[in-house]
N, C-alpha and C. Protein backbone atom coordinates (compact mmCIF):
# COMPACT_ATOMS: atom_id res chain seq x y z
N MET A 1 91.34 247.50 166.04
CA MET A 1 92.58 246.60 166.28
C MET A 1 92.61 245.83 167.62
N ARG A 2 91.96 246.62 168.67
CA ARG A 2 91.87 245.87 169.96
C ARG A 2 91.07 244.48 169.87
N LEU A 3 90.11 244.53 169.13
CA LEU A 3 89.17 243.23 168.91
C LEU A 3 89.88 242.21 168.32
N LYS A 4 90.87 242.77 167.28
CA LYS A 4 91.72 241.76 166.52
C LYS A 4 92.52 241.20 167.40
N ALA A 5 93.15 241.87 168.26
CA ALA A 5 94.20 241.46 169.35
C ALA A 5 93.43 240.37 170.15
N THR A 6 92.24 240.63 170.55
CA THR A 6 91.56 239.67 171.29
C THR A 6 91.23 238.27 170.72
N ILE A 7 90.85 238.39 169.36
CA ILE A 7 90.61 237.29 168.48
C ILE A 7 92.02 236.19 168.49
N LEU A 8 92.88 237.11 168.28
CA LEU A 8 94.29 236.34 167.95
C LEU A 8 94.65 235.33 169.29
N GLN A 9 94.12 235.88 170.28
CA GLN A 9 94.35 235.07 171.67
C GLN A 9 93.64 233.76 171.51
N GLY A 10 92.54 233.51 170.71
CA GLY A 10 91.69 232.39 170.38
C GLY A 10 90.81 232.04 171.73
N GLU A 11 90.06 231.14 171.29
CA GLU A 11 88.98 230.92 172.30
C GLU A 11 89.54 230.46 173.65
N GLY A 12 88.81 230.75 174.64
CA GLY A 12 89.45 230.25 176.12
C GLY A 12 88.22 230.18 177.28
N GLU A 13 88.71 230.11 178.27
CA GLU A 13 87.75 230.28 179.47
C GLU A 13 86.89 231.46 179.36
N GLN A 14 87.25 232.58 179.00
CA GLN A 14 86.39 233.78 179.03
C GLN A 14 86.07 234.25 177.64
N LEU A 15 86.32 233.61 176.47
CA LEU A 15 86.09 233.86 175.18
C LEU A 15 85.58 232.81 174.28
N ASP A 16 84.64 233.02 173.58
CA ASP A 16 84.04 231.98 172.71
C ASP A 16 83.64 232.78 171.24
N PHE A 17 84.08 231.91 170.05
CA PHE A 17 83.43 232.53 168.79
C PHE A 17 82.28 231.86 168.22
N LYS A 18 81.62 232.62 167.56
CA LYS A 18 80.30 231.68 166.97
C LYS A 18 80.35 232.64 165.58
N ASN A 19 80.04 231.60 164.51
CA ASN A 19 79.65 232.21 163.20
C ASN A 19 78.35 232.91 163.09
N LYS A 20 77.32 232.23 163.98
CA LYS A 20 76.10 232.90 163.99
C LYS A 20 75.53 232.24 165.15
N ILE A 21 74.49 232.63 165.82
CA ILE A 21 73.60 232.12 166.80
C ILE A 21 72.40 231.27 166.32
N SER A 22 72.02 230.20 166.19
CA SER A 22 70.90 229.45 165.58
C SER A 22 70.19 228.55 166.59
N ASN A 23 71.00 228.18 167.52
CA ASN A 23 70.09 227.06 168.40
C ASN A 23 70.26 227.69 169.87
N GLU A 24 69.22 227.89 170.39
CA GLU A 24 68.67 228.54 171.52
C GLU A 24 69.47 227.55 172.72
N ASN A 25 68.95 226.34 172.57
CA ASN A 25 69.35 225.31 173.55
C ASN A 25 70.72 225.06 173.72
N LYS A 26 71.59 225.02 172.60
CA LYS A 26 72.85 224.98 172.80
C LYS A 26 73.78 226.12 173.37
N ILE A 27 73.28 227.44 172.86
CA ILE A 27 74.00 228.63 173.21
C ILE A 27 73.59 228.62 174.79
N ALA A 28 72.75 228.42 175.30
CA ALA A 28 72.28 228.43 176.53
C ALA A 28 73.41 227.96 177.52
N LYS A 29 74.10 226.79 177.16
CA LYS A 29 74.96 226.17 177.73
C LYS A 29 76.39 227.07 177.93
N THR A 30 76.62 227.90 177.08
CA THR A 30 77.72 228.70 177.08
C THR A 30 77.33 229.82 178.07
N LEU A 31 76.11 230.20 177.82
CA LEU A 31 75.83 231.50 178.60
C LEU A 31 75.84 231.16 180.27
N VAL A 32 75.38 229.84 180.56
CA VAL A 32 75.28 229.62 182.02
C VAL A 32 76.73 229.46 182.46
N ALA A 33 77.52 228.67 181.67
CA ALA A 33 79.02 228.54 181.86
C ALA A 33 79.71 229.49 181.96
N PHE A 34 79.39 230.64 181.37
CA PHE A 34 80.22 232.00 181.66
C PHE A 34 79.72 232.57 183.15
N ALA A 35 78.35 232.60 183.08
CA ALA A 35 77.96 233.12 184.38
C ALA A 35 78.34 232.46 185.60
N ASN A 36 78.59 231.09 185.54
CA ASN A 36 78.90 230.36 186.65
C ASN A 36 80.30 230.58 186.90
N ASN A 37 81.10 230.91 185.90
CA ASN A 37 82.53 231.02 186.13
C ASN A 37 82.86 232.54 186.40
N LYS A 38 83.84 233.09 185.58
CA LYS A 38 84.21 234.41 186.00
C LYS A 38 83.70 235.37 184.70
N GLY A 39 82.69 234.78 184.21
CA GLY A 39 82.16 235.83 182.81
C GLY A 39 82.81 235.51 181.78
N GLY A 40 82.12 236.04 180.90
CA GLY A 40 82.93 235.93 179.26
C GLY A 40 82.33 236.67 178.09
N LYS A 41 82.89 236.44 177.24
CA LYS A 41 82.16 237.34 175.97
C LYS A 41 82.22 236.25 174.76
N LEU A 42 81.01 236.57 174.23
CA LEU A 42 80.72 235.72 172.88
C LEU A 42 80.99 236.71 171.55
N LEU A 43 81.56 236.34 170.89
CA LEU A 43 82.20 237.34 169.50
C LEU A 43 81.19 236.44 168.39
N ILE A 44 80.00 237.25 168.01
CA ILE A 44 79.35 236.50 166.84
C ILE A 44 79.69 237.02 165.62
N GLY A 45 79.98 236.47 164.62
CA GLY A 45 80.50 236.77 163.36
C GLY A 45 81.84 236.49 163.23
N VAL A 46 82.47 235.71 164.03
CA VAL A 46 83.78 235.18 164.11
C VAL A 46 83.96 233.74 164.03
N ALA A 47 84.60 233.03 163.26
CA ALA A 47 84.73 231.61 163.10
C ALA A 47 85.52 230.92 164.15
N ASP A 48 85.49 229.71 164.31
CA ASP A 48 86.37 229.03 165.34
C ASP A 48 87.58 229.23 165.06
N ASP A 49 88.11 229.37 163.90
CA ASP A 49 89.74 229.70 163.66
C ASP A 49 90.00 231.09 163.75
N GLY A 50 88.99 232.17 164.28
CA GLY A 50 89.34 233.45 164.32
C GLY A 50 89.23 234.23 163.11
N HIS A 51 88.77 233.67 161.89
CA HIS A 51 88.56 234.32 160.57
C HIS A 51 87.01 235.13 161.00
N ILE A 52 87.32 236.58 160.49
CA ILE A 52 86.13 237.21 160.80
C ILE A 52 85.12 237.23 159.69
N ILE A 53 83.80 236.73 159.81
CA ILE A 53 82.97 236.43 158.80
C ILE A 53 81.97 237.75 158.86
N GLY A 54 81.68 238.07 159.98
CA GLY A 54 80.66 239.24 160.15
C GLY A 54 79.11 238.81 160.31
N VAL A 55 78.31 239.83 160.98
CA VAL A 55 77.18 239.20 160.93
C VAL A 55 76.02 239.98 160.13
N LYS A 56 75.14 239.48 159.59
CA LYS A 56 74.31 239.98 158.37
C LYS A 56 73.07 240.54 159.22
N ASN A 57 72.60 240.10 160.40
CA ASN A 57 71.44 240.51 160.93
C ASN A 57 71.56 240.48 162.52
N GLU A 58 72.00 241.45 163.00
CA GLU A 58 72.38 241.78 164.36
C GLU A 58 71.16 241.63 165.23
N ASP A 59 70.13 242.20 164.89
CA ASP A 59 68.89 242.26 165.52
C ASP A 59 68.25 240.73 165.77
N GLU A 60 68.68 240.08 164.66
CA GLU A 60 68.18 238.59 164.77
C GLU A 60 68.75 237.75 165.89
N GLU A 61 70.25 238.19 165.85
CA GLU A 61 71.07 237.41 166.67
C GLU A 61 70.90 237.72 168.19
N ARG A 62 70.63 239.15 168.30
CA ARG A 62 70.38 239.67 169.63
C ARG A 62 69.14 239.06 170.37
N PHE A 63 68.03 238.75 169.38
CA PHE A 63 66.77 238.25 169.68
C PHE A 63 66.81 236.77 170.25
N ILE A 64 67.65 235.96 169.45
CA ILE A 64 68.04 234.64 169.83
C ILE A 64 68.63 234.36 171.00
N LEU A 65 69.86 235.40 171.19
CA LEU A 65 70.50 235.06 172.49
C LEU A 65 69.75 235.66 173.77
N GLU A 66 68.89 236.56 173.73
CA GLU A 66 67.92 237.11 174.60
C GLU A 66 67.00 236.07 175.02
N ARG A 67 66.40 235.38 174.06
CA ARG A 67 65.47 234.55 174.37
C ARG A 67 66.16 233.11 174.89
N ALA A 68 67.28 232.73 174.54
CA ALA A 68 67.90 231.79 175.12
C ALA A 68 68.20 232.13 176.52
N ALA A 69 68.69 233.39 177.12
CA ALA A 69 68.94 233.69 178.21
C ALA A 69 67.95 233.69 179.18
N TYR A 70 66.59 233.89 178.68
CA TYR A 70 65.58 233.86 179.56
C TYR A 70 64.63 232.57 179.44
N ARG A 71 64.62 232.02 178.43
CA ARG A 71 63.82 230.66 178.28
C ARG A 71 64.58 229.53 178.48
N TYR A 72 66.00 229.66 178.36
CA TYR A 72 66.70 228.26 178.55
C TYR A 72 67.76 228.45 179.52
N CYS A 73 67.77 229.41 180.19
CA CYS A 73 68.77 229.52 181.28
C CYS A 73 67.85 230.07 182.80
N LYS A 74 68.15 229.16 183.87
CA LYS A 74 67.61 229.31 184.88
C LYS A 74 68.33 229.54 186.16
N PRO A 75 68.55 230.69 186.90
CA PRO A 75 67.73 231.87 186.70
C PRO A 75 68.28 232.61 185.41
N ALA A 76 67.70 233.50 184.73
CA ALA A 76 68.03 234.17 183.54
C ALA A 76 69.52 234.79 183.60
N VAL A 77 69.92 234.53 182.57
CA VAL A 77 71.41 235.32 182.36
C VAL A 77 71.44 236.68 181.85
N GLU A 78 72.25 237.61 182.61
CA GLU A 78 72.14 238.88 181.98
C GLU A 78 73.14 239.00 180.91
N ILE A 79 72.87 239.70 179.64
CA ILE A 79 73.65 239.82 178.58
C ILE A 79 73.91 241.41 178.18
N LYS A 80 75.09 241.97 178.24
CA LYS A 80 75.35 243.25 177.74
C LYS A 80 75.75 243.18 176.18
N PHE A 81 75.21 243.90 175.30
CA PHE A 81 75.47 243.80 173.85
C PHE A 81 76.30 244.97 173.46
N ASP A 82 77.22 244.80 172.41
CA ASP A 82 78.08 245.93 171.77
C ASP A 82 78.20 245.38 170.33
N GLU A 83 78.63 246.36 169.64
CA GLU A 83 78.96 245.84 168.30
C GLU A 83 79.90 246.65 167.82
N THR A 84 80.99 246.07 166.79
CA THR A 84 82.00 246.93 166.38
C THR A 84 82.09 246.37 164.77
N PHE A 85 82.92 247.12 163.96
CA PHE A 85 83.31 246.88 162.60
C PHE A 85 84.71 246.52 162.55
N VAL A 86 84.85 245.26 162.17
CA VAL A 86 86.43 244.86 161.87
C VAL A 86 86.67 244.70 160.57
N ASP A 87 87.55 245.25 159.66
CA ASP A 87 87.55 245.08 158.28
C ASP A 87 86.35 245.31 157.52
N ASP A 88 85.57 246.29 157.90
CA ASP A 88 84.07 246.37 157.30
C ASP A 88 83.13 245.32 157.59
N LYS A 89 83.41 244.57 158.48
CA LYS A 89 82.44 243.56 158.92
C LYS A 89 81.86 243.63 160.24
N LEU A 90 80.63 243.54 160.50
CA LEU A 90 80.07 243.62 161.85
C LEU A 90 80.32 242.40 162.52
N VAL A 91 80.95 242.84 163.82
CA VAL A 91 81.04 241.64 164.87
C VAL A 91 80.12 242.04 166.39
N LEU A 92 79.33 241.18 166.50
CA LEU A 92 78.46 241.51 167.74
C LEU A 92 79.04 241.03 168.75
N ILE A 93 79.17 241.74 169.89
CA ILE A 93 79.78 241.33 171.11
C ILE A 93 78.78 241.04 172.20
N ALA A 94 78.71 239.85 172.83
CA ALA A 94 77.59 239.62 173.87
C ALA A 94 78.43 239.19 175.14
N GLU A 95 78.39 240.41 175.99
CA GLU A 95 79.25 240.16 177.30
C GLU A 95 78.38 239.56 178.31
N ILE A 96 78.73 238.40 179.11
CA ILE A 96 78.00 237.73 180.22
C ILE A 96 78.82 237.85 181.46
N PRO A 97 78.51 238.80 182.26
CA PRO A 97 79.31 239.01 183.62
C PRO A 97 78.99 237.86 184.51
N GLU A 98 79.87 237.65 185.41
CA GLU A 98 80.08 236.73 186.48
C GLU A 98 78.67 236.75 187.31
N SER A 99 78.04 235.91 187.63
CA SER A 99 76.85 235.98 188.36
C SER A 99 76.93 236.03 189.74
N ASP A 100 76.16 236.79 190.55
CA ASP A 100 76.05 236.66 192.04
C ASP A 100 75.12 235.76 192.31
N VAL A 101 74.24 234.92 191.58
CA VAL A 101 73.34 234.27 192.02
C VAL A 101 73.30 232.58 191.43
N LYS A 102 74.70 232.18 191.44
CA LYS A 102 75.18 231.04 191.17
C LYS A 102 74.20 229.94 191.75
N PRO A 103 74.13 228.73 191.45
CA PRO A 103 74.35 228.22 189.99
C PRO A 103 73.21 228.64 189.00
N HIS A 104 73.64 228.83 187.73
CA HIS A 104 72.72 228.84 186.70
C HIS A 104 72.70 227.74 185.87
N TYR A 105 71.39 227.16 185.37
CA TYR A 105 71.04 225.97 184.97
C TYR A 105 70.52 226.20 183.33
N ALA A 106 71.26 225.08 182.48
CA ALA A 106 70.56 225.46 181.00
C ALA A 106 69.78 224.17 180.81
N LEU A 107 68.73 224.40 180.15
CA LEU A 107 67.64 223.48 179.72
C LEU A 107 68.09 222.52 178.66
N GLY A 108 68.44 221.33 179.16
CA GLY A 108 68.83 220.21 178.22
C GLY A 108 67.95 219.68 177.06
N ASP A 109 68.17 218.94 176.19
CA ASP A 109 67.53 218.23 175.22
C ASP A 109 66.66 217.19 175.89
N ASP A 110 67.02 216.88 176.94
CA ASP A 110 66.02 215.72 177.79
C ASP A 110 65.12 216.57 178.70
N GLY A 111 64.85 217.83 178.66
CA GLY A 111 63.99 218.43 179.38
C GLY A 111 64.34 218.66 180.63
N LYS A 112 65.57 218.51 181.02
CA LYS A 112 66.00 218.63 182.52
C LYS A 112 66.86 219.83 182.51
N TRP A 113 67.16 220.34 183.60
CA TRP A 113 67.93 221.55 183.86
C TRP A 113 69.51 221.22 184.35
N TRP A 114 70.42 221.51 183.61
CA TRP A 114 71.86 221.33 184.10
C TRP A 114 72.74 222.19 184.14
N VAL A 115 73.59 222.36 185.13
CA VAL A 115 74.66 223.20 185.19
C VAL A 115 75.78 222.88 184.50
N TYR A 116 76.35 224.19 183.82
CA TYR A 116 77.66 223.96 183.19
C TYR A 116 78.61 225.01 183.64
N ILE A 117 80.04 224.66 183.61
CA ILE A 117 81.06 225.73 183.73
C ILE A 117 81.99 225.55 182.79
N ARG A 118 82.82 226.59 182.64
CA ARG A 118 83.63 226.97 181.53
C ARG A 118 85.06 226.14 182.08
N VAL A 119 85.49 225.50 181.09
CA VAL A 119 86.72 224.73 181.17
C VAL A 119 87.52 225.08 179.80
N LYS A 120 88.51 225.86 180.02
CA LYS A 120 89.37 226.22 178.87
C LYS A 120 88.49 226.74 177.91
N ASP A 121 88.21 226.17 176.64
CA ASP A 121 87.42 226.86 175.70
C ASP A 121 86.09 226.00 175.50
N LYS A 122 85.78 225.09 176.40
CA LYS A 122 84.55 224.42 176.53
C LYS A 122 83.63 224.48 177.55
N SER A 123 82.21 224.32 177.26
CA SER A 123 81.14 224.35 178.45
C SER A 123 80.98 222.94 178.88
N ILE A 124 81.46 222.63 180.03
CA ILE A 124 81.42 221.33 180.59
C ILE A 124 80.34 221.17 181.49
N LEU A 125 79.55 220.12 181.47
CA LEU A 125 78.65 219.71 182.68
C LEU A 125 79.21 219.67 183.92
N ALA A 126 78.92 220.08 184.95
CA ALA A 126 79.28 220.08 186.15
C ALA A 126 78.86 218.95 187.02
N GLY A 127 79.56 218.57 187.80
CA GLY A 127 79.23 217.23 188.76
C GLY A 127 78.68 217.95 189.95
N LYS A 128 78.14 217.01 190.71
CA LYS A 128 77.53 217.36 192.06
C LYS A 128 78.32 218.50 193.06
N VAL A 129 79.53 217.83 193.17
CA VAL A 129 80.70 218.66 194.08
C VAL A 129 80.60 220.12 193.62
N VAL A 130 80.71 220.43 192.43
CA VAL A 130 81.14 221.60 191.73
C VAL A 130 79.73 222.58 191.87
N VAL A 131 78.63 221.63 191.77
CA VAL A 131 77.22 222.40 191.83
C VAL A 131 76.99 222.93 193.29
N ASP A 132 77.31 221.95 194.06
CA ASP A 132 77.23 222.34 195.48
C ASP A 132 78.16 223.48 196.13
N VAL A 133 79.43 223.43 195.42
CA VAL A 133 80.61 224.49 195.72
C VAL A 133 79.92 225.82 195.12
N LEU A 134 79.27 225.88 194.10
CA LEU A 134 78.50 227.02 193.46
C LEU A 134 77.31 227.60 194.38
N LYS A 135 76.63 226.62 194.87
CA LYS A 135 75.30 226.97 195.72
C LYS A 135 75.99 227.76 196.94
N ARG A 136 77.21 227.32 197.47
CA ARG A 136 77.53 227.82 198.82
C ARG A 136 78.58 228.82 198.61
N HIS A 137 78.99 229.21 197.31
CA HIS A 137 80.16 230.18 197.14
C HIS A 137 79.82 231.61 197.71
N GLY A 138 78.66 231.93 197.80
CA GLY A 138 78.32 233.32 198.20
C GLY A 138 77.91 233.50 199.59
N GLU A 139 78.20 232.50 200.52
CA GLU A 139 77.72 232.51 201.83
C GLU A 139 78.86 233.14 202.51
N SER A 140 77.94 234.11 203.27
CA SER A 140 78.87 235.09 203.93
C SER A 140 79.68 234.88 205.27
N GLU A 141 79.02 233.63 205.90
CA GLU A 141 79.53 233.28 206.98
C GLU A 141 80.93 232.47 207.07
N GLY A 142 81.29 232.10 205.63
CA GLY A 142 82.57 231.37 205.52
C GLY A 142 82.22 229.92 205.72
N VAL A 143 83.43 229.26 205.79
CA VAL A 143 83.42 227.71 206.06
C VAL A 143 84.25 227.34 207.12
N LEU A 144 83.67 226.47 208.21
CA LEU A 144 84.43 226.29 209.27
C LEU A 144 84.75 224.52 209.28
N ILE A 145 86.08 224.45 209.18
CA ILE A 145 86.46 223.00 208.99
C ILE A 145 86.89 222.28 210.24
N THR A 146 86.09 221.16 210.37
CA THR A 146 86.70 220.49 211.55
C THR A 146 87.71 219.46 211.05
N TYR A 147 88.93 219.63 211.51
CA TYR A 147 90.09 218.90 211.07
C TYR A 147 90.16 217.63 211.69
N THR A 148 89.34 216.47 211.36
CA THR A 148 89.15 215.26 211.70
C THR A 148 90.41 214.34 211.09
N ASP A 149 90.24 212.79 211.49
CA ASP A 149 91.29 211.97 210.77
C ASP A 149 90.70 211.91 209.30
N LYS A 150 89.31 212.03 208.86
CA LYS A 150 89.07 211.88 207.61
C LYS A 150 89.74 213.07 206.61
N GLU A 151 89.75 214.28 207.19
CA GLU A 151 90.29 215.25 206.44
C GLU A 151 91.77 215.14 206.36
N LYS A 152 92.31 214.56 207.44
CA LYS A 152 93.99 214.39 207.20
C LYS A 152 94.19 213.27 206.35
N GLN A 153 93.42 212.17 206.40
CA GLN A 153 93.45 211.02 205.42
C GLN A 153 93.36 211.54 204.08
N LEU A 154 92.32 212.30 203.74
CA LEU A 154 91.99 212.80 202.50
C LEU A 154 93.19 213.75 201.85
N LEU A 155 94.03 214.49 202.67
CA LEU A 155 94.95 215.53 202.24
C LEU A 155 96.06 214.63 201.93
N THR A 156 96.37 213.79 202.88
CA THR A 156 97.61 212.66 202.75
C THR A 156 97.49 211.77 201.41
N PHE A 157 96.38 211.54 201.12
CA PHE A 157 95.87 210.64 199.85
C PHE A 157 96.16 211.64 198.61
N LEU A 158 95.66 212.96 198.59
CA LEU A 158 95.85 213.58 197.62
C LEU A 158 97.12 214.00 197.22
N ASN A 159 98.05 214.39 198.31
CA ASN A 159 99.33 214.71 198.15
C ASN A 159 100.16 213.60 197.52
N GLU A 160 99.74 212.40 197.94
CA GLU A 160 100.36 211.01 197.38
C GLU A 160 100.05 210.88 195.98
N LYS A 161 98.62 210.98 195.61
CA LYS A 161 98.36 210.59 194.29
C LYS A 161 98.30 211.88 193.30
N GLN A 162 98.15 213.14 193.65
CA GLN A 162 98.23 214.35 193.04
C GLN A 162 96.88 214.63 192.43
N LYS A 163 96.21 213.63 191.79
CA LYS A 163 94.88 213.94 191.26
C LYS A 163 94.35 212.45 191.20
N VAL A 164 93.01 212.77 191.98
CA VAL A 164 92.06 211.44 192.22
C VAL A 164 90.71 211.79 191.90
N ALA A 165 90.03 210.66 191.47
CA ALA A 165 88.61 210.54 191.14
C ALA A 165 87.72 210.46 192.39
N LEU A 166 86.44 210.89 192.26
CA LEU A 166 85.69 210.63 193.49
C LEU A 166 85.71 209.37 194.19
N ILE A 167 85.56 208.26 193.17
CA ILE A 167 85.11 206.87 193.66
C ILE A 167 86.51 206.56 194.25
N ASP A 168 87.51 206.92 193.85
CA ASP A 168 88.69 206.27 194.54
C ASP A 168 88.82 206.98 195.93
N ILE A 169 88.44 208.25 196.10
CA ILE A 169 88.43 208.89 197.33
C ILE A 169 87.36 208.15 198.31
N CYS A 170 86.19 207.88 197.84
CA CYS A 170 85.38 207.06 198.67
C CYS A 170 85.72 205.96 199.14
N LYS A 171 86.61 205.08 198.40
CA LYS A 171 87.10 203.84 198.60
C LYS A 171 88.35 204.06 199.69
N HIS A 172 89.06 204.91 199.57
CA HIS A 172 90.02 205.22 200.46
C HIS A 172 89.77 205.71 201.82
N LEU A 173 88.83 206.42 201.79
CA LEU A 173 88.18 206.74 203.02
C LEU A 173 87.34 206.04 203.69
N LYS A 174 86.74 205.14 202.85
CA LYS A 174 85.71 204.25 203.57
C LYS A 174 84.38 205.03 203.85
N LEU A 175 83.92 205.93 203.00
CA LEU A 175 82.79 206.76 203.33
C LEU A 175 81.91 206.53 202.07
N SER A 176 80.67 206.87 202.27
CA SER A 176 79.67 206.87 201.26
C SER A 176 79.95 208.12 200.25
N ARG A 177 79.33 207.80 199.13
CA ARG A 177 79.59 208.92 197.93
C ARG A 177 79.12 210.20 198.62
N ARG A 178 78.04 210.39 199.15
CA ARG A 178 77.26 211.61 199.62
C ARG A 178 78.38 212.34 200.69
N LYS A 179 78.84 211.48 201.66
CA LYS A 179 79.54 211.96 202.83
C LYS A 179 81.09 212.55 202.18
N THR A 180 81.42 211.79 201.20
CA THR A 180 82.66 212.13 200.66
C THR A 180 82.45 213.58 199.87
N GLN A 181 81.52 213.62 199.06
CA GLN A 181 81.11 214.81 198.42
C GLN A 181 80.93 216.19 199.30
N ARG A 182 80.32 215.81 200.59
CA ARG A 182 80.15 216.79 201.56
C ARG A 182 81.48 217.31 201.95
N LEU A 183 82.48 216.40 202.17
CA LEU A 183 83.59 216.69 202.83
C LEU A 183 84.47 217.49 201.82
N LEU A 184 84.51 217.03 200.28
CA LEU A 184 85.24 217.77 199.37
C LEU A 184 84.77 219.28 199.29
N VAL A 185 83.37 219.43 199.29
CA VAL A 185 82.84 220.79 198.93
C VAL A 185 83.23 221.63 200.28
N ASN A 186 83.43 221.18 201.46
CA ASN A 186 83.89 222.02 202.40
C ASN A 186 85.37 222.37 202.36
N MET A 187 85.97 221.33 201.74
CA MET A 187 87.61 221.57 201.79
C MET A 187 87.83 222.59 200.24
N ILE A 188 87.12 222.37 199.56
CA ILE A 188 87.12 223.08 198.12
C ILE A 188 86.78 224.77 198.55
N LEU A 189 85.88 224.91 199.29
CA LEU A 189 85.33 226.15 199.78
C LEU A 189 86.30 226.92 200.78
N ALA A 190 87.04 226.00 201.37
CA ALA A 190 88.21 226.38 202.48
C ALA A 190 89.46 226.70 201.67
N GLY A 191 89.46 226.50 200.46
CA GLY A 191 90.67 226.57 199.58
C GLY A 191 91.92 225.65 199.87
N ILE A 192 91.43 224.54 200.32
CA ILE A 192 92.32 223.37 200.74
C ILE A 192 92.50 222.49 199.34
N VAL A 193 91.53 222.20 198.80
CA VAL A 193 91.39 221.42 197.79
C VAL A 193 90.71 222.08 196.61
N LYS A 194 91.14 221.49 195.36
CA LYS A 194 90.66 222.16 194.15
C LYS A 194 90.27 220.98 193.00
N VAL A 195 89.45 221.45 192.20
CA VAL A 195 88.75 220.32 191.35
C VAL A 195 89.16 220.60 189.92
N ASP A 196 89.33 219.42 189.20
CA ASP A 196 89.65 219.65 187.80
C ASP A 196 88.55 218.84 187.17
N THR A 197 87.77 219.58 186.25
CA THR A 197 86.67 219.06 185.54
C THR A 197 86.83 219.00 184.11
N THR A 198 86.56 217.49 183.78
CA THR A 198 86.64 217.18 182.32
C THR A 198 85.48 216.58 181.83
N LYS A 199 85.28 216.36 180.67
CA LYS A 199 84.33 215.94 180.12
C LYS A 199 83.72 214.27 180.52
N GLU A 200 84.84 213.86 181.19
CA GLU A 200 84.62 212.42 181.64
C GLU A 200 84.20 212.28 183.18
N ALA A 201 84.92 213.37 183.76
CA ALA A 201 84.94 213.38 185.24
C ALA A 201 85.28 214.35 186.00
N GLU A 202 85.31 214.32 187.35
CA GLU A 202 85.79 215.54 188.12
C GLU A 202 86.91 214.81 188.88
N PHE A 203 88.02 215.51 188.88
CA PHE A 203 89.31 215.01 189.47
C PHE A 203 89.77 216.13 190.86
N TYR A 204 90.51 215.53 191.68
CA TYR A 204 90.49 216.39 192.91
C TYR A 204 91.96 216.36 193.31
N MET A 205 92.53 217.58 193.65
CA MET A 205 93.74 217.65 193.91
C MET A 205 94.13 218.63 195.18
N PRO A 206 95.24 218.64 195.83
CA PRO A 206 95.65 219.67 196.66
C PRO A 206 95.82 221.12 195.94
N THR A 207 95.68 222.03 196.56
CA THR A 207 95.57 223.55 196.02
C THR A 207 97.05 223.86 195.67
N ALA A 208 98.01 223.35 196.63
CA ALA A 208 99.39 223.74 196.25
C ALA A 208 99.92 223.25 194.96
N ILE A 209 99.17 222.31 194.07
CA ILE A 209 99.68 221.88 192.79
C ILE A 209 99.22 222.99 191.79
């Protein structure tokens, strides 16, 4: 009954439904997205609309997931498995905990490794700023912000516009893309700025919003 209640919540940042696992390359994106965020659960044997289909061969599903986690994820992603019966149908639960060795990369169709994060119910390709934030998120020494005119200009601009793309910030601050990205990473880590990632781009806004 508890799993039914979870399914009724629908897919989201920490929950994804799969009829079955057939593509290691594709599922790797979901695995790293969960690991790079707050963790999450894959419910195998559940359709996108929440209809419980059941798993026919749980050993095969486990094998494909484990192979995806080790061959198509870098570093490898940890998976904890559980299984339960709902209405006499087997649902395989694959839990991916939040990682402490972020970022994790998934192998793309182009043979390159890419970072994905979880945004609502989608696994989205992360931009350079988010990747750099993930790389530095575990730093123990914290972040020291030098509050120069550029930081002041950025905060004023974000407060005025509420939600701004990187290219517009570069133009406003008259800084190169690289310097602007470095500035944003520091301010995100300091909790002053937050990022909104979409399929199209990353947008930045003050954390007060």
